Each structure stands twice: as C-alpha cells, then as structure tokens.
Amino acid sequence: MDRSPNHWDGLVTGMALVTLDGDRGYELLEDAALAWRDGVLAFVGRAIGLPPRAPAAARFGWEGGLVPR
C-alpha cells in the first residue's frame, strides 16, 4: 500500500455534503468528495478541489446521495 502523504485509504465522490460552515450556519456542497486515511478525514469539499488523479486505495461512487457532516 502506498503510504505517501498524498495517498488516501478511501475516496467517495458523486455526493452532496452538508457542512456546518457558511453564512446560514450550514453549507450544501454539490458534487462533493471525501477522502480518509488511517480512519481520519483527509479531504472534504467539492470534487473540483481534488488533486489531479486523486490517489486512493479504494474508490466509491455515491451517485448523488446526501451525507451530513
């Protein structure tokens, strides 16, 4: 398994995320992604913000589900 700092254990894309950021006390992120490494979130945000060729040991497509965070 690749243990370089930019490699993730898992990556989920194709979802909407709700965060506790934003002017209304929350923010809805469409076309979002989240990644984790060693059981800790390493990336949470819009998929467009992912690094090129986002390296992950496992990838999952959520297909538009909503995930509260």
C-alpha atoms as a PDB file:
ATOM      1  CA  MET A   1       0.000   0.000   0.000  1.00  0.00           C
ATOM      2  CA  ASP A   2       1.234   3.481  -0.884  1.00  0.00           C
ATOM      3  CA  ARG A   3       1.909   5.438   2.349  1.00  0.00           C
ATOM      4  CA  SER A   4       2.925   8.734   0.735  1.00  0.00           C
ATOM      5  CA  PRO A   5       1.245  11.774   2.346  1.00  0.00           C
ATOM      6  CA  ASN A   6      -0.980  12.391  -0.681  1.00  0.00           C
ATOM      7  CA  HIS A   7      -2.348   8.836  -0.881  1.00  0.00           C
ATOM      8  CA  TRP A   8      -5.688   8.058   0.772  1.00  0.00           C
ATOM      9  CA  ASP A   9      -7.158   4.814   2.039  1.00  0.00           C
ATOM     10  CA  GLY A  10     -10.545   5.650   0.524  1.00  0.00           C
ATOM     11  CA  LEU A  11     -12.288   8.243  -1.636  1.00  0.00           C
ATOM     12  CA  VAL A  12     -16.029   8.779  -2.127  1.00  0.00           C
ATOM     13  CA  THR A  13     -17.280  11.020  -4.940  1.00  0.00           C
ATOM     14  CA  GLY A  14     -20.597  11.964  -6.538  1.00  0.00           C
ATOM     15  CA  MET A  15     -22.471  13.103  -3.435  1.00  0.00           C
ATOM     16  CA  ALA A  16     -23.813  16.208  -1.777  1.00  0.00           C
ATOM     17  CA  LEU A  17     -22.359  17.110   1.626  1.00  0.00           C
ATOM     18  CA  VAL A  18     -23.809  19.362   4.290  1.00  0.00           C
ATOM     19  CA  THR A  19     -21.242  21.122   6.482  1.00  0.00           C
ATOM     20  CA  LEU A  20     -21.597  23.447   9.464  1.00  0.00           C
ATOM     21  CA  ASP A  21     -19.894  26.257   7.530  1.00  0.00           C
ATOM     22  CA  GLY A  22     -21.449  29.104   5.627  1.00  0.00           C
ATOM     23  CA  ASP A  23     -23.453  32.246   6.286  1.00  0.00           C
ATOM     24  CA  ARG A  24     -26.642  30.324   7.168  1.00  0.00           C
ATOM     25  CA  GLY A  25     -24.926  28.107   9.706  1.00  0.00           C
ATOM     26  CA  TYR A  26     -24.585  25.329   7.152  1.00  0.00           C
ATOM     27  CA  GLU A  27     -23.393  24.887   3.599  1.00  0.00           C
ATOM     28  CA  LEU A  28     -24.576  22.448   0.959  1.00  0.00           C
ATOM     29  CA  LEU A  29     -21.749  21.231  -1.272  1.00  0.00           C
ATOM     30  CA  GLU A  30     -22.990  19.744  -4.551  1.00  0.00           C
ATOM     31  CA  ASP A  31     -20.738  17.299  -6.417  1.00  0.00           C
ATOM     32  CA  ALA A  32     -18.648  16.788  -3.296  1.00  0.00           C
ATOM     33  CA  ALA A  33     -15.998  14.276  -2.300  1.00  0.00           C
ATOM     34  CA  LEU A  34     -14.474  12.992   0.900  1.00  0.00           C
ATOM     35  CA  ALA A  35     -11.330  11.011   1.495  1.00  0.00           C
ATOM     36  CA  TRP A  36      -9.810   9.380   4.556  1.00  0.00           C
ATOM     37  CA  ARG A  37      -6.511   7.988   5.708  1.00  0.00           C
ATOM     38  CA  ASP A  38      -5.927   5.921   8.840  1.00  0.00           C
ATOM     39  CA  GLY A  39      -9.561   6.457   9.877  1.00  0.00           C
ATOM     40  CA  VAL A  40      -9.339  10.268   9.763  1.00  0.00           C
ATOM     41  CA  LEU A  41     -10.938  12.535   7.155  1.00  0.00           C
ATOM     42  CA  ALA A  42      -8.212  13.889   4.886  1.00  0.00           C
ATOM     43  CA  PHE A  43     -10.333  15.776   2.321  1.00  0.00           C
ATOM     44  CA  VAL A  44     -13.873  17.164   2.494  1.00  0.00           C
ATOM     45  CA  GLY A  45     -15.048  19.518  -0.202  1.00  0.00           C
ATOM     46  CA  ARG A  46     -16.134  19.964  -3.770  1.00  0.00           C
ATOM     47  CA  ALA A  47     -14.772  17.308  -6.110  1.00  0.00           C
ATOM     48  CA  ILE A  48     -13.245  20.012  -8.298  1.00  0.00           C
ATOM     49  CA  GLY A  49     -10.833  20.667  -5.399  1.00  0.00           C
ATOM     50  CA  LEU A  50      -9.378  17.143  -5.508  1.00  0.00           C
ATOM     51  CA  PRO A  51      -5.739  16.885  -6.549  1.00  0.00           C
ATOM     52  CA  PRO A  52      -5.126  15.553 -10.074  1.00  0.00           C
ATOM     53  CA  ARG A  53      -5.503  11.767 -10.278  1.00  0.00           C
ATOM     54  CA  ALA A  54      -6.549  11.730  -6.589  1.00  0.00           C
ATOM     55  CA  PRO A  55      -4.766   8.576  -5.379  1.00  0.00           C
ATOM     56  CA  ALA A  56      -6.778   6.223  -3.193  1.00  0.00           C
ATOM     57  CA  ALA A  57      -6.620   2.527  -2.340  1.00  0.00           C
ATOM     58  CA  ALA A  58     -10.425   2.243  -2.640  1.00  0.00           C
ATOM     59  CA  ARG A  59     -12.884   4.401  -4.579  1.00  0.00           C
ATOM     60  CA  PHE A  60     -16.644   4.606  -4.190  1.00  0.00           C
ATOM     61  CA  GLY A  61     -19.273   6.433  -6.239  1.00  0.00           C
ATOM     62  CA  TRP A  62     -22.184   7.684  -4.174  1.00  0.00           C
ATOM     63  CA  GLU A  63     -24.420   8.635  -7.122  1.00  0.00           C
ATOM     64  CA  GLY A  64     -25.993  11.770  -5.707  1.00  0.00           C
ATOM     65  CA  GLY A  65     -26.731  10.828  -2.085  1.00  0.00           C
ATOM     66  CA  LEU A  66     -26.722  13.406   0.710  1.00  0.00           C
ATOM     67  CA  VAL A  67     -24.238  12.968   3.553  1.00  0.00           C
ATOM     68  CA  PRO A  68     -24.481  15.164   6.666  1.00  0.00           C
ATOM     69  CA  ARG A  69     -21.150  16.097   8.180  1.00  0.00           C
END
